[in-house]
Amino acid sequence: MSGWLSLLLLLWSWSLSDLMVEACTCVPIHPQDAFCNSDIVIRAKVVGKKLMKDGPFGTMRYTVKQTKMYRGFDKMPHVQYIYTEASESLCGVKLEVNKYQYLITGRVYDGKVYTGLCNLYEKWDRLTLSQRKGLNHRYHLGCGCKIKSCYYLPCFVTSKNECLWTDMLSNFGHSGYQSKHYACIQQKEGYCSWYRGWAPPDKTIINATDP
């Protein structure tokens, strides 16, 4: 009986493992939406980590040295810790200690900042110049706009505050050209359109076909 019980326990553990691996599924998100929908957006270096024994699989607490805050001054003016699920199958993120600066977005719950695989996080040196400018100046100008995902053709905007996001047609998500180089910004008369450039957006120009 003990042999059969061991076999059953092994099969159950494999099934649970397979289930957990498939548990985290995220919808692609444009960096601007990630910015606008987050409580906290910071640039920081991870300087330590500790596994906290809370929850069924534990929570990883990363100690960070914040370089700059882009969003969240009213929520938490300075971030010292970032919390995430210890298991990647539960959408926990793995950050390297004392190696890179990261862009980290997250939400605040009970005075703690939580992030996960469905939030935007990226090594800072992998961000494009346009994405860095978006964090500094542009993304907040478009938080009243809606970025509408296009997964297959034909697809159209249905209101004046929408920008059509077509990266999924070829790149499936945030690594596409629009994600890397464009922001959806409100223009004249409330219309939103994609914007890329070095100067502040011209409020008198609407170009709904760009890019």
N, C-alpha and C. Protein backbone atom coordinates (compact mmCIF):
# COMPACT_ATOMS: atom_id res chain seq x y z
N MET A 1 0.83 -1.21 0.00
CA MET A 1 0.00 0.00 0.00
C MET A 1 0.85 1.25 0.00
N SER A 2 1.97 1.19 0.73
CA SER A 2 2.81 2.38 0.80
C SER A 2 3.39 2.72 -0.57
N GLY A 3 3.68 1.68 -1.38
CA GLY A 3 4.19 1.92 -2.73
C GLY A 3 3.16 2.62 -3.61
N TRP A 4 1.90 2.11 -3.54
CA TRP A 4 0.83 2.75 -4.30
C TRP A 4 0.59 4.18 -3.83
N LEU A 5 0.66 4.39 -2.54
CA LEU A 5 0.45 5.73 -2.00
C LEU A 5 1.54 6.68 -2.48
N SER A 6 2.77 6.21 -2.49
CA SER A 6 3.88 7.03 -2.98
C SER A 6 3.69 7.39 -4.44
N LEU A 7 3.24 6.39 -5.24
CA LEU A 7 3.02 6.63 -6.66
C LEU A 7 1.92 7.67 -6.88
N LEU A 8 0.82 7.53 -6.11
CA LEU A 8 -0.28 8.47 -6.24
C LEU A 8 0.16 9.88 -5.85
N LEU A 9 0.95 9.98 -4.79
CA LEU A 9 1.45 11.28 -4.36
C LEU A 9 2.36 11.89 -5.42
N LEU A 10 3.19 11.05 -6.06
CA LEU A 10 4.08 11.54 -7.11
C LEU A 10 3.30 12.04 -8.30
N LEU A 11 2.29 11.27 -8.73
CA LEU A 11 1.46 11.68 -9.87
C LEU A 11 0.71 12.97 -9.55
N TRP A 12 0.23 13.07 -8.31
CA TRP A 12 -0.50 14.28 -7.89
C TRP A 12 0.41 15.50 -7.91
N SER A 13 1.65 15.30 -7.46
CA SER A 13 2.59 16.42 -7.43
C SER A 13 2.95 16.86 -8.84
N TRP A 14 3.08 15.88 -9.79
CA TRP A 14 3.35 16.24 -11.17
C TRP A 14 2.18 17.02 -11.76
N SER A 15 0.97 16.56 -11.48
CA SER A 15 -0.21 17.25 -12.01
C SER A 15 -0.30 18.66 -11.44
N LEU A 16 -0.03 18.81 -10.15
CA LEU A 16 -0.06 20.13 -9.53
C LEU A 16 1.00 21.03 -10.13
N SER A 17 2.19 20.44 -10.40
CA SER A 17 3.29 21.22 -11.00
C SER A 17 2.90 21.71 -12.38
N ASP A 18 2.31 20.81 -13.20
CA ASP A 18 1.87 21.21 -14.54
C ASP A 18 0.83 22.31 -14.46
N LEU A 19 -0.10 22.19 -13.50
CA LEU A 19 -1.15 23.19 -13.34
C LEU A 19 -0.55 24.53 -12.97
N MET A 20 0.45 24.51 -12.05
CA MET A 20 1.05 25.75 -11.59
C MET A 20 1.82 26.44 -12.71
N VAL A 21 2.51 25.63 -13.56
CA VAL A 21 3.29 26.21 -14.65
C VAL A 21 2.39 27.01 -15.58
N GLU A 22 1.15 26.51 -15.78
CA GLU A 22 0.24 27.16 -16.70
C GLU A 22 -0.65 28.20 -16.02
N ALA A 23 -0.40 28.46 -14.73
CA ALA A 23 -1.32 29.30 -13.98
C ALA A 23 -1.20 30.77 -14.31
N CYS A 24 -0.02 31.24 -14.72
CA CYS A 24 0.19 32.67 -14.95
C CYS A 24 0.07 33.00 -16.42
N THR A 25 -0.98 33.71 -16.77
CA THR A 25 -1.20 34.14 -18.15
C THR A 25 -1.49 35.64 -18.14
N CYS A 26 -0.76 36.39 -18.94
CA CYS A 26 -0.89 37.85 -18.96
C CYS A 26 -1.29 38.34 -20.35
N VAL A 27 -2.14 39.33 -20.40
CA VAL A 27 -2.50 39.99 -21.65
C VAL A 27 -1.41 40.99 -22.00
N PRO A 28 -0.96 41.05 -23.26
CA PRO A 28 0.04 42.05 -23.64
C PRO A 28 -0.43 43.46 -23.30
N ILE A 29 0.50 44.29 -22.84
CA ILE A 29 0.14 45.64 -22.45
C ILE A 29 1.19 46.62 -22.98
N HIS A 30 0.71 47.73 -23.53
CA HIS A 30 1.61 48.78 -24.01
C HIS A 30 2.25 49.46 -22.79
N PRO A 31 3.51 49.87 -22.87
CA PRO A 31 4.15 50.52 -21.72
C PRO A 31 3.38 51.72 -21.17
N GLN A 32 2.69 52.45 -22.04
CA GLN A 32 1.91 53.58 -21.57
C GLN A 32 0.76 53.13 -20.69
N ASP A 33 0.07 52.07 -21.08
CA ASP A 33 -1.00 51.54 -20.24
C ASP A 33 -0.45 51.01 -18.93
N ALA A 34 0.71 50.36 -18.98
CA ALA A 34 1.33 49.87 -17.76
C ALA A 34 1.65 51.04 -16.83
N PHE A 35 2.11 52.13 -17.39
CA PHE A 35 2.40 53.34 -16.62
C PHE A 35 1.12 53.90 -16.00
N CYS A 36 0.12 54.11 -16.82
CA CYS A 36 -1.11 54.78 -16.37
C CYS A 36 -1.90 53.93 -15.38
N ASN A 37 -1.80 52.60 -15.49
CA ASN A 37 -2.58 51.72 -14.63
C ASN A 37 -1.86 51.31 -13.36
N SER A 38 -0.65 51.81 -13.15
CA SER A 38 0.13 51.44 -11.98
C SER A 38 0.05 52.50 -10.90
N ASP A 39 0.12 52.06 -9.66
CA ASP A 39 0.22 52.99 -8.53
C ASP A 39 1.63 53.55 -8.42
N ILE A 40 2.61 52.69 -8.73
CA ILE A 40 4.01 53.04 -8.56
C ILE A 40 4.77 52.73 -9.84
N VAL A 41 5.60 53.67 -10.29
CA VAL A 41 6.53 53.44 -11.40
C VAL A 41 7.87 54.02 -10.99
N ILE A 42 8.88 53.16 -10.89
CA ILE A 42 10.19 53.63 -10.42
C ILE A 42 11.32 53.03 -11.27
N ARG A 43 12.45 53.70 -11.18
CA ARG A 43 13.72 53.14 -11.65
C ARG A 43 14.52 52.81 -10.39
N ALA A 44 15.02 51.57 -10.31
CA ALA A 44 15.67 51.16 -9.07
C ALA A 44 16.65 50.02 -9.32
N LYS A 45 17.59 49.88 -8.41
CA LYS A 45 18.53 48.76 -8.41
C LYS A 45 18.19 47.86 -7.24
N VAL A 46 18.15 46.56 -7.49
CA VAL A 46 17.87 45.59 -6.43
C VAL A 46 19.16 45.34 -5.65
N VAL A 47 19.12 45.54 -4.35
CA VAL A 47 20.33 45.38 -3.53
C VAL A 47 20.20 44.25 -2.51
N GLY A 48 19.05 43.59 -2.47
CA GLY A 48 18.89 42.48 -1.54
C GLY A 48 17.58 41.77 -1.78
N LYS A 49 17.45 40.56 -1.24
CA LYS A 49 16.19 39.82 -1.34
C LYS A 49 16.04 38.90 -0.15
N LYS A 50 14.77 38.62 0.20
CA LYS A 50 14.48 37.73 1.32
C LYS A 50 13.16 37.02 1.07
N LEU A 51 13.16 35.72 1.30
CA LEU A 51 11.93 34.94 1.15
C LEU A 51 11.11 35.06 2.42
N MET A 52 9.91 35.60 2.29
CA MET A 52 9.01 35.77 3.42
C MET A 52 8.07 34.57 3.50
N LYS A 53 7.84 34.06 4.67
CA LYS A 53 7.05 32.84 4.85
C LYS A 53 5.56 33.15 5.00
N ASP A 54 5.02 33.89 4.05
CA ASP A 54 3.59 34.14 4.08
C ASP A 54 2.97 33.61 2.80
N GLY A 55 1.74 33.10 2.90
CA GLY A 55 1.09 32.50 1.75
C GLY A 55 1.57 31.07 1.55
N PRO A 56 0.90 30.32 0.68
CA PRO A 56 1.22 28.90 0.50
C PRO A 56 2.60 28.65 -0.09
N PHE A 57 3.10 29.57 -0.92
CA PHE A 57 4.40 29.36 -1.56
C PHE A 57 5.42 30.43 -1.17
N GLY A 58 5.04 31.33 -0.28
CA GLY A 58 5.95 32.36 0.16
C GLY A 58 5.92 33.58 -0.74
N THR A 59 6.43 34.68 -0.23
CA THR A 59 6.54 35.93 -0.97
C THR A 59 8.00 36.38 -0.95
N MET A 60 8.49 36.81 -2.11
CA MET A 60 9.85 37.32 -2.18
C MET A 60 9.83 38.83 -1.94
N ARG A 61 10.65 39.28 -1.00
CA ARG A 61 10.78 40.71 -0.75
C ARG A 61 12.14 41.18 -1.27
N TYR A 62 12.08 42.07 -2.27
CA TYR A 62 13.31 42.65 -2.80
C TYR A 62 13.55 44.00 -2.15
N THR A 63 14.78 44.21 -1.69
CA THR A 63 15.18 45.53 -1.21
C THR A 63 15.76 46.30 -2.38
N VAL A 64 15.25 47.50 -2.62
CA VAL A 64 15.69 48.27 -3.78
C VAL A 64 16.24 49.62 -3.36
N LYS A 65 17.15 50.10 -4.18
CA LYS A 65 17.67 51.45 -4.05
C LYS A 65 17.05 52.29 -5.16
N GLN A 66 16.07 53.09 -4.80
CA GLN A 66 15.31 53.86 -5.79
C GLN A 66 16.16 54.98 -6.37
N THR A 67 16.22 55.03 -7.71
CA THR A 67 16.94 56.09 -8.41
C THR A 67 16.01 57.24 -8.77
N LYS A 68 14.81 56.88 -9.24
CA LYS A 68 13.85 57.91 -9.65
C LYS A 68 12.44 57.37 -9.58
N MET A 69 11.50 58.21 -9.21
CA MET A 69 10.08 57.85 -9.22
C MET A 69 9.39 58.63 -10.34
N TYR A 70 8.63 57.91 -11.17
CA TYR A 70 7.91 58.51 -12.28
C TYR A 70 6.41 58.64 -11.99
N ARG A 71 5.92 57.80 -11.11
CA ARG A 71 4.49 57.82 -10.76
C ARG A 71 4.33 57.22 -9.36
N GLY A 72 3.47 57.86 -8.56
CA GLY A 72 3.18 57.31 -7.26
C GLY A 72 3.59 58.16 -6.08
N PHE A 73 3.94 59.42 -6.34
CA PHE A 73 4.37 60.30 -5.25
C PHE A 73 3.31 60.39 -4.15
N ASP A 74 2.03 60.37 -4.55
CA ASP A 74 0.95 60.49 -3.57
C ASP A 74 0.72 59.19 -2.81
N LYS A 75 1.18 58.06 -3.38
CA LYS A 75 0.97 56.75 -2.75
C LYS A 75 2.12 56.41 -1.78
N MET A 76 3.34 56.63 -2.26
CA MET A 76 4.53 56.26 -1.49
C MET A 76 5.72 57.01 -2.08
N PRO A 77 6.13 58.11 -1.48
CA PRO A 77 7.18 58.96 -2.08
C PRO A 77 8.53 58.28 -2.22
N HIS A 78 8.79 57.26 -1.42
CA HIS A 78 10.05 56.53 -1.55
C HIS A 78 9.80 55.04 -1.33
N VAL A 79 10.29 54.23 -2.25
CA VAL A 79 10.08 52.78 -2.19
C VAL A 79 11.37 52.11 -1.72
N GLN A 80 11.25 51.30 -0.68
CA GLN A 80 12.40 50.55 -0.17
C GLN A 80 12.28 49.06 -0.48
N TYR A 81 11.04 48.54 -0.50
CA TYR A 81 10.83 47.12 -0.73
C TYR A 81 9.82 46.91 -1.86
N ILE A 82 10.07 45.87 -2.65
CA ILE A 82 9.15 45.40 -3.68
C ILE A 82 8.79 43.96 -3.35
N TYR A 83 7.50 43.65 -3.32
CA TYR A 83 7.04 42.30 -3.00
C TYR A 83 6.48 41.62 -4.25
N THR A 84 6.74 40.32 -4.36
CA THR A 84 6.21 39.54 -5.47
C THR A 84 6.07 38.09 -5.03
N GLU A 85 5.24 37.34 -5.72
CA GLU A 85 5.10 35.92 -5.40
C GLU A 85 6.44 35.22 -5.61
N ALA A 86 6.77 34.29 -4.72
CA ALA A 86 8.04 33.59 -4.83
C ALA A 86 8.08 32.65 -6.02
N SER A 87 6.91 32.21 -6.47
CA SER A 87 6.82 31.27 -7.59
C SER A 87 6.48 32.01 -8.88
N GLU A 88 7.25 31.73 -9.94
CA GLU A 88 6.95 32.33 -11.25
C GLU A 88 5.62 31.83 -11.79
N SER A 89 5.23 30.62 -11.41
CA SER A 89 3.95 30.09 -11.87
C SER A 89 2.78 30.86 -11.29
N LEU A 90 3.00 31.61 -10.21
CA LEU A 90 1.99 32.48 -9.63
C LEU A 90 2.25 33.94 -10.00
N CYS A 91 2.98 34.10 -11.11
CA CYS A 91 3.28 35.43 -11.67
C CYS A 91 4.33 36.21 -10.87
N GLY A 92 5.13 35.51 -10.08
CA GLY A 92 6.22 36.18 -9.40
C GLY A 92 7.35 36.52 -10.36
N VAL A 93 8.04 37.62 -10.12
CA VAL A 93 9.15 38.04 -10.98
C VAL A 93 10.48 37.71 -10.31
N LYS A 94 11.48 37.45 -11.13
CA LYS A 94 12.82 37.17 -10.65
C LYS A 94 13.73 38.34 -11.03
N LEU A 95 14.24 39.05 -10.04
CA LEU A 95 15.12 40.19 -10.26
C LEU A 95 16.50 39.85 -9.71
N GLU A 96 17.53 40.29 -10.42
CA GLU A 96 18.89 39.98 -10.02
C GLU A 96 19.42 41.05 -9.07
N VAL A 97 20.17 40.60 -8.09
CA VAL A 97 20.67 41.48 -7.03
C VAL A 97 22.02 42.07 -7.41
N ASN A 98 22.14 43.38 -7.23
CA ASN A 98 23.39 44.11 -7.44
C ASN A 98 23.97 43.95 -8.84
N LYS A 99 23.09 43.88 -9.84
CA LYS A 99 23.57 43.75 -11.22
C LYS A 99 23.01 44.82 -12.14
N TYR A 100 21.70 45.05 -12.07
CA TYR A 100 21.06 45.93 -13.05
C TYR A 100 20.18 46.96 -12.36
N GLN A 101 19.94 48.05 -13.10
CA GLN A 101 18.84 48.94 -12.74
C GLN A 101 17.61 48.50 -13.53
N TYR A 102 16.47 48.55 -12.88
CA TYR A 102 15.22 48.09 -13.49
C TYR A 102 14.20 49.22 -13.53
N LEU A 103 13.36 49.17 -14.54
CA LEU A 103 12.08 49.88 -14.49
C LEU A 103 11.10 48.91 -13.85
N ILE A 104 10.43 49.34 -12.78
CA ILE A 104 9.49 48.48 -12.07
C ILE A 104 8.17 49.22 -11.90
N THR A 105 7.07 48.57 -12.28
CA THR A 105 5.74 49.11 -12.03
C THR A 105 5.01 48.18 -11.07
N GLY A 106 4.08 48.72 -10.32
CA GLY A 106 3.36 47.88 -9.36
C GLY A 106 2.18 48.58 -8.75
N ARG A 107 1.49 47.85 -7.87
CA ARG A 107 0.34 48.37 -7.16
C ARG A 107 0.65 48.37 -5.66
N VAL A 108 -0.04 49.26 -4.94
CA VAL A 108 0.15 49.39 -3.51
C VAL A 108 -1.03 48.75 -2.77
N TYR A 109 -0.73 47.81 -1.88
CA TYR A 109 -1.74 47.18 -1.04
C TYR A 109 -1.23 47.19 0.40
N ASP A 110 -2.03 47.73 1.29
CA ASP A 110 -1.68 47.76 2.72
C ASP A 110 -0.29 48.33 2.96
N GLY A 111 0.03 49.38 2.22
CA GLY A 111 1.31 50.06 2.42
C GLY A 111 2.52 49.36 1.82
N LYS A 112 2.30 48.31 1.01
CA LYS A 112 3.39 47.58 0.38
C LYS A 112 3.24 47.62 -1.15
N VAL A 113 4.38 47.66 -1.85
CA VAL A 113 4.38 47.68 -3.31
C VAL A 113 4.53 46.25 -3.83
N TYR A 114 3.57 45.82 -4.63
CA TYR A 114 3.59 44.48 -5.21
C TYR A 114 3.74 44.58 -6.72
N THR A 115 4.54 43.67 -7.29
CA THR A 115 4.67 43.58 -8.74
C THR A 115 4.60 42.12 -9.15
N GLY A 116 4.45 41.88 -10.45
CA GLY A 116 4.34 40.52 -10.95
C GLY A 116 4.61 40.48 -12.44
N LEU A 117 4.52 39.29 -13.01
CA LEU A 117 4.80 39.12 -14.43
C LEU A 117 3.83 39.91 -15.31
N CYS A 118 2.63 40.19 -14.81
CA CYS A 118 1.66 40.94 -15.60
C CYS A 118 1.83 42.45 -15.45
N ASN A 119 2.72 42.86 -14.57
CA ASN A 119 3.13 44.26 -14.51
C ASN A 119 4.32 44.43 -15.44
N LEU A 120 4.62 45.69 -15.76
CA LEU A 120 5.79 45.96 -16.60
C LEU A 120 7.03 46.07 -15.73
N TYR A 121 8.01 45.26 -16.02
CA TYR A 121 9.33 45.42 -15.42
C TYR A 121 10.36 45.09 -16.50
N GLU A 122 11.45 45.83 -16.51
CA GLU A 122 12.44 45.65 -17.56
C GLU A 122 13.78 46.20 -17.11
N LYS A 123 14.85 45.61 -17.57
CA LYS A 123 16.17 46.17 -17.33
C LYS A 123 16.23 47.55 -17.98
N TRP A 124 16.74 48.51 -17.24
CA TRP A 124 16.71 49.89 -17.71
C TRP A 124 17.45 50.07 -19.04
N ASP A 125 18.57 49.40 -19.20
CA ASP A 125 19.35 49.60 -20.43
C ASP A 125 18.71 48.97 -21.65
N ARG A 126 17.63 48.23 -21.47
CA ARG A 126 16.90 47.67 -22.61
C ARG A 126 15.77 48.57 -23.10
N LEU A 127 15.46 49.62 -22.35
CA LEU A 127 14.42 50.55 -22.77
C LEU A 127 14.94 51.44 -23.90
N THR A 128 14.07 51.76 -24.84
CA THR A 128 14.45 52.67 -25.91
C THR A 128 14.43 54.11 -25.40
N LEU A 129 15.04 55.00 -26.16
CA LEU A 129 15.04 56.42 -25.80
C LEU A 129 13.61 56.94 -25.74
N SER A 130 12.76 56.50 -26.67
CA SER A 130 11.36 56.94 -26.68
C SER A 130 10.62 56.46 -25.43
N GLN A 131 10.90 55.25 -24.99
CA GLN A 131 10.25 54.75 -23.77
C GLN A 131 10.70 55.54 -22.54
N ARG A 132 11.97 55.90 -22.50
CA ARG A 132 12.46 56.70 -21.38
C ARG A 132 11.84 58.09 -21.39
N LYS A 133 11.69 58.67 -22.59
CA LYS A 133 11.03 59.97 -22.69
C LYS A 133 9.55 59.84 -22.32
N GLY A 134 8.96 58.70 -22.67
CA GLY A 134 7.57 58.47 -22.29
C GLY A 134 7.39 58.47 -20.79
N LEU A 135 8.29 57.83 -20.09
CA LEU A 135 8.22 57.79 -18.63
C LEU A 135 8.38 59.18 -18.04
N ASN A 136 9.25 59.97 -18.62
CA ASN A 136 9.54 61.30 -18.09
C ASN A 136 8.48 62.33 -18.43
N HIS A 137 7.93 62.26 -19.66
CA HIS A 137 7.10 63.37 -20.12
C HIS A 137 5.79 62.95 -20.78
N ARG A 138 5.79 61.88 -21.57
CA ARG A 138 4.71 61.69 -22.53
C ARG A 138 3.57 60.79 -22.06
N TYR A 139 3.90 59.70 -21.38
CA TYR A 139 2.86 58.74 -21.04
C TYR A 139 1.75 59.36 -20.21
N HIS A 140 2.09 60.24 -19.28
CA HIS A 140 1.06 60.82 -18.42
C HIS A 140 0.11 61.70 -19.22
N LEU A 141 0.57 62.22 -20.38
CA LEU A 141 -0.30 63.03 -21.23
C LEU A 141 -1.38 62.19 -21.90
N GLY A 142 -1.17 60.88 -21.94
CA GLY A 142 -2.12 60.01 -22.62
C GLY A 142 -2.91 59.11 -21.70
N CYS A 143 -2.90 59.37 -20.41
CA CYS A 143 -3.64 58.49 -19.50
C CYS A 143 -5.15 58.60 -19.69
N GLY A 144 -5.62 59.65 -20.36
CA GLY A 144 -7.04 59.76 -20.69
C GLY A 144 -7.39 59.10 -22.01
N CYS A 145 -6.38 58.59 -22.71
CA CYS A 145 -6.60 57.91 -23.98
C CYS A 145 -6.73 56.39 -23.75
N LYS A 146 -7.25 55.71 -24.73
CA LYS A 146 -7.40 54.26 -24.67
C LYS A 146 -6.60 53.63 -25.80
N ILE A 147 -5.70 52.74 -25.45
CA ILE A 147 -4.93 52.00 -26.45
C ILE A 147 -5.68 50.70 -26.74
N LYS A 148 -6.18 50.59 -27.96
CA LYS A 148 -7.02 49.46 -28.35
C LYS A 148 -6.18 48.42 -29.08
N SER A 149 -6.14 47.21 -28.54
CA SER A 149 -5.34 46.14 -29.12
C SER A 149 -5.99 45.58 -30.37
N CYS A 150 -5.14 45.31 -31.38
CA CYS A 150 -5.60 44.69 -32.63
C CYS A 150 -4.89 43.35 -32.77
N TYR A 151 -5.63 42.26 -32.70
CA TYR A 151 -5.04 40.93 -32.78
C TYR A 151 -5.15 40.32 -34.18
N TYR A 152 -6.10 40.80 -34.97
CA TYR A 152 -6.25 40.32 -36.33
C TYR A 152 -6.98 41.38 -37.15
N LEU A 153 -6.74 41.37 -38.44
CA LEU A 153 -7.35 42.36 -39.34
C LEU A 153 -8.68 41.85 -39.87
N PRO A 154 -9.63 42.79 -40.16
CA PRO A 154 -9.53 44.24 -39.96
C PRO A 154 -9.84 44.63 -38.51
N CYS A 155 -9.32 45.75 -38.09
CA CYS A 155 -9.66 46.32 -36.79
C CYS A 155 -9.65 47.83 -36.91
N PHE A 156 -10.50 48.49 -36.12
CA PHE A 156 -10.71 49.92 -36.26
C PHE A 156 -10.84 50.57 -34.89
N VAL A 157 -10.55 51.86 -34.85
CA VAL A 157 -10.88 52.63 -33.65
C VAL A 157 -12.38 52.93 -33.69
N THR A 158 -13.00 52.99 -32.52
CA THR A 158 -14.44 53.21 -32.45
C THR A 158 -14.80 54.49 -31.71
N SER A 159 -13.80 55.19 -31.18
CA SER A 159 -14.06 56.47 -30.53
C SER A 159 -12.84 57.36 -30.69
N LYS A 160 -13.03 58.65 -30.48
CA LYS A 160 -11.96 59.61 -30.76
C LYS A 160 -10.82 59.54 -29.76
N ASN A 161 -11.01 58.85 -28.65
CA ASN A 161 -9.93 58.78 -27.66
C ASN A 161 -9.14 57.49 -27.77
N GLU A 162 -9.25 56.77 -28.89
CA GLU A 162 -8.56 55.49 -29.05
C GLU A 162 -7.38 55.60 -30.01
N CYS A 163 -6.33 54.84 -29.71
CA CYS A 163 -5.22 54.60 -30.64
C CYS A 163 -5.16 53.10 -30.90
N LEU A 164 -4.99 52.73 -32.15
CA LEU A 164 -5.00 51.32 -32.54
C LEU A 164 -3.60 50.73 -32.38
N TRP A 165 -3.48 49.71 -31.54
CA TRP A 165 -2.19 49.08 -31.24
C TRP A 165 -2.09 47.78 -32.03
N THR A 166 -1.16 47.75 -32.98
CA THR A 166 -1.07 46.63 -33.92
C THR A 166 0.17 45.75 -33.72
N ASP A 167 0.91 45.96 -32.65
CA ASP A 167 2.11 45.15 -32.43
C ASP A 167 1.82 43.67 -32.39
N MET A 168 0.64 43.29 -31.89
CA MET A 168 0.32 41.87 -31.75
C MET A 168 0.24 41.15 -33.09
N LEU A 169 0.03 41.90 -34.17
CA LEU A 169 -0.06 41.26 -35.48
C LEU A 169 1.26 40.63 -35.90
N SER A 170 2.38 41.19 -35.42
CA SER A 170 3.68 40.67 -35.84
C SER A 170 4.62 40.38 -34.68
N ASN A 171 4.48 41.10 -33.56
CA ASN A 171 5.43 40.97 -32.46
C ASN A 171 4.82 40.45 -31.17
N PHE A 172 3.51 40.40 -31.11
CA PHE A 172 2.78 39.94 -29.92
C PHE A 172 3.23 40.63 -28.65
N GLY A 173 2.92 41.92 -28.57
CA GLY A 173 3.11 42.57 -27.28
C GLY A 173 4.08 43.71 -27.24
N HIS A 174 4.64 43.91 -26.05
CA HIS A 174 5.36 45.15 -25.76
C HIS A 174 6.66 45.31 -26.50
N SER A 175 7.18 44.26 -27.15
CA SER A 175 8.45 44.38 -27.85
C SER A 175 8.30 44.95 -29.26
N GLY A 176 7.08 45.27 -29.67
CA GLY A 176 6.84 45.77 -31.01
C GLY A 176 7.22 47.23 -31.20
N TYR A 177 7.11 47.69 -32.44
CA TYR A 177 7.58 49.02 -32.81
C TYR A 177 6.78 50.12 -32.11
N GLN A 178 5.47 49.98 -32.04
CA GLN A 178 4.66 51.00 -31.37
C GLN A 178 4.99 51.06 -29.88
N SER A 179 5.21 49.91 -29.28
CA SER A 179 5.56 49.88 -27.86
C SER A 179 6.91 50.55 -27.60
N LYS A 180 7.83 50.34 -28.51
CA LYS A 180 9.18 50.86 -28.32
C LYS A 180 9.31 52.35 -28.61
N HIS A 181 8.46 52.88 -29.51
CA HIS A 181 8.74 54.23 -30.02
C HIS A 181 7.57 55.21 -29.97
N TYR A 182 6.37 54.79 -29.58
CA TYR A 182 5.21 55.68 -29.68
C TYR A 182 4.46 55.79 -28.36
N ALA A 183 3.83 56.95 -28.19
CA ALA A 183 2.90 57.19 -27.10
C ALA A 183 1.58 57.65 -27.70
N CYS A 184 0.48 57.27 -27.08
CA CYS A 184 -0.86 57.69 -27.52
C CYS A 184 -1.26 58.91 -26.69
N ILE A 185 -1.30 60.07 -27.34
CA ILE A 185 -1.45 61.34 -26.63
C ILE A 185 -2.69 62.08 -27.12
N GLN A 186 -3.36 62.72 -26.18
CA GLN A 186 -4.56 63.48 -26.51
C GLN A 186 -4.19 64.75 -27.28
N GLN A 187 -4.85 64.92 -28.40
CA GLN A 187 -4.58 66.06 -29.27
C GLN A 187 -5.77 67.03 -29.25
N LYS A 188 -5.89 67.80 -30.31
CA LYS A 188 -6.93 68.83 -30.41
C LYS A 188 -8.33 68.21 -30.30
N GLU A 189 -9.20 68.90 -29.57
CA GLU A 189 -10.62 68.52 -29.44
C GLU A 189 -10.79 67.13 -28.82
N GLY A 190 -9.82 66.71 -28.03
CA GLY A 190 -9.97 65.45 -27.33
C GLY A 190 -9.57 64.21 -28.09
N TYR A 191 -9.18 64.37 -29.35
CA TYR A 191 -8.76 63.21 -30.13
C TYR A 191 -7.41 62.70 -29.64
N CYS A 192 -7.24 61.39 -29.68
CA CYS A 192 -5.97 60.77 -29.32
C CYS A 192 -5.32 60.19 -30.56
N SER A 193 -4.01 60.32 -30.66
CA SER A 193 -3.27 59.76 -31.79
C SER A 193 -1.87 59.40 -31.35
N TRP A 194 -1.25 58.52 -32.13
CA TRP A 194 0.12 58.12 -31.83
C TRP A 194 1.06 59.29 -32.05
N TYR A 195 2.03 59.39 -31.16
CA TYR A 195 2.99 60.49 -31.24
C TYR A 195 4.41 59.96 -31.07
N ARG A 196 5.29 60.45 -31.96
CA ARG A 196 6.71 60.19 -31.81
C ARG A 196 7.46 61.42 -32.28
N GLY A 197 8.42 61.89 -31.50
CA GLY A 197 9.18 63.05 -31.89
C GLY A 197 10.01 63.57 -30.75
N TRP A 198 10.83 64.55 -31.04
CA TRP A 198 11.73 65.10 -30.03
C TRP A 198 11.11 66.29 -29.31
N ALA A 199 10.20 67.02 -30.00
CA ALA A 199 9.58 68.20 -29.41
C ALA A 199 8.27 67.82 -28.76
N PRO A 200 7.73 68.67 -27.86
CA PRO A 200 6.41 68.42 -27.28
C PRO A 200 5.36 68.32 -28.37
N PRO A 201 4.32 67.50 -28.18
CA PRO A 201 3.31 67.31 -29.23
C PRO A 201 2.59 68.60 -29.58
N ASP A 202 2.33 68.77 -30.88
CA ASP A 202 1.62 69.94 -31.37
C ASP A 202 0.12 69.71 -31.17
N LYS A 203 -0.50 70.49 -30.32
CA LYS A 203 -1.90 70.30 -29.97
C LYS A 203 -2.84 70.66 -31.12
N THR A 204 -2.31 71.23 -32.20
CA THR A 204 -3.18 71.62 -33.32
C THR A 204 -3.18 70.57 -34.42
N ILE A 205 -2.38 69.50 -34.25
CA ILE A 205 -2.24 68.50 -35.30
C ILE A 205 -2.82 67.17 -34.85
N ILE A 206 -3.63 66.59 -35.71
CA ILE A 206 -4.17 65.26 -35.46
C ILE A 206 -3.72 64.36 -36.60
N ASN A 207 -3.11 63.24 -36.28
CA ASN A 207 -2.72 62.27 -37.30
C ASN A 207 -3.08 60.89 -36.82
N ALA A 208 -4.31 60.51 -37.07
CA ALA A 208 -4.83 59.25 -36.55
C ALA A 208 -4.25 58.04 -37.28
N THR A 209 -3.54 58.24 -38.40
CA THR A 209 -3.00 57.12 -39.17
C THR A 209 -1.55 56.85 -38.83
N ASP A 210 -0.94 57.63 -37.94
CA ASP A 210 0.45 57.45 -37.59
C ASP A 210 0.58 56.69 -36.29
N PRO A 211 1.29 55.56 -36.26
CA PRO A 211 2.11 55.02 -37.31
C PRO A 211 1.27 54.18 -38.27
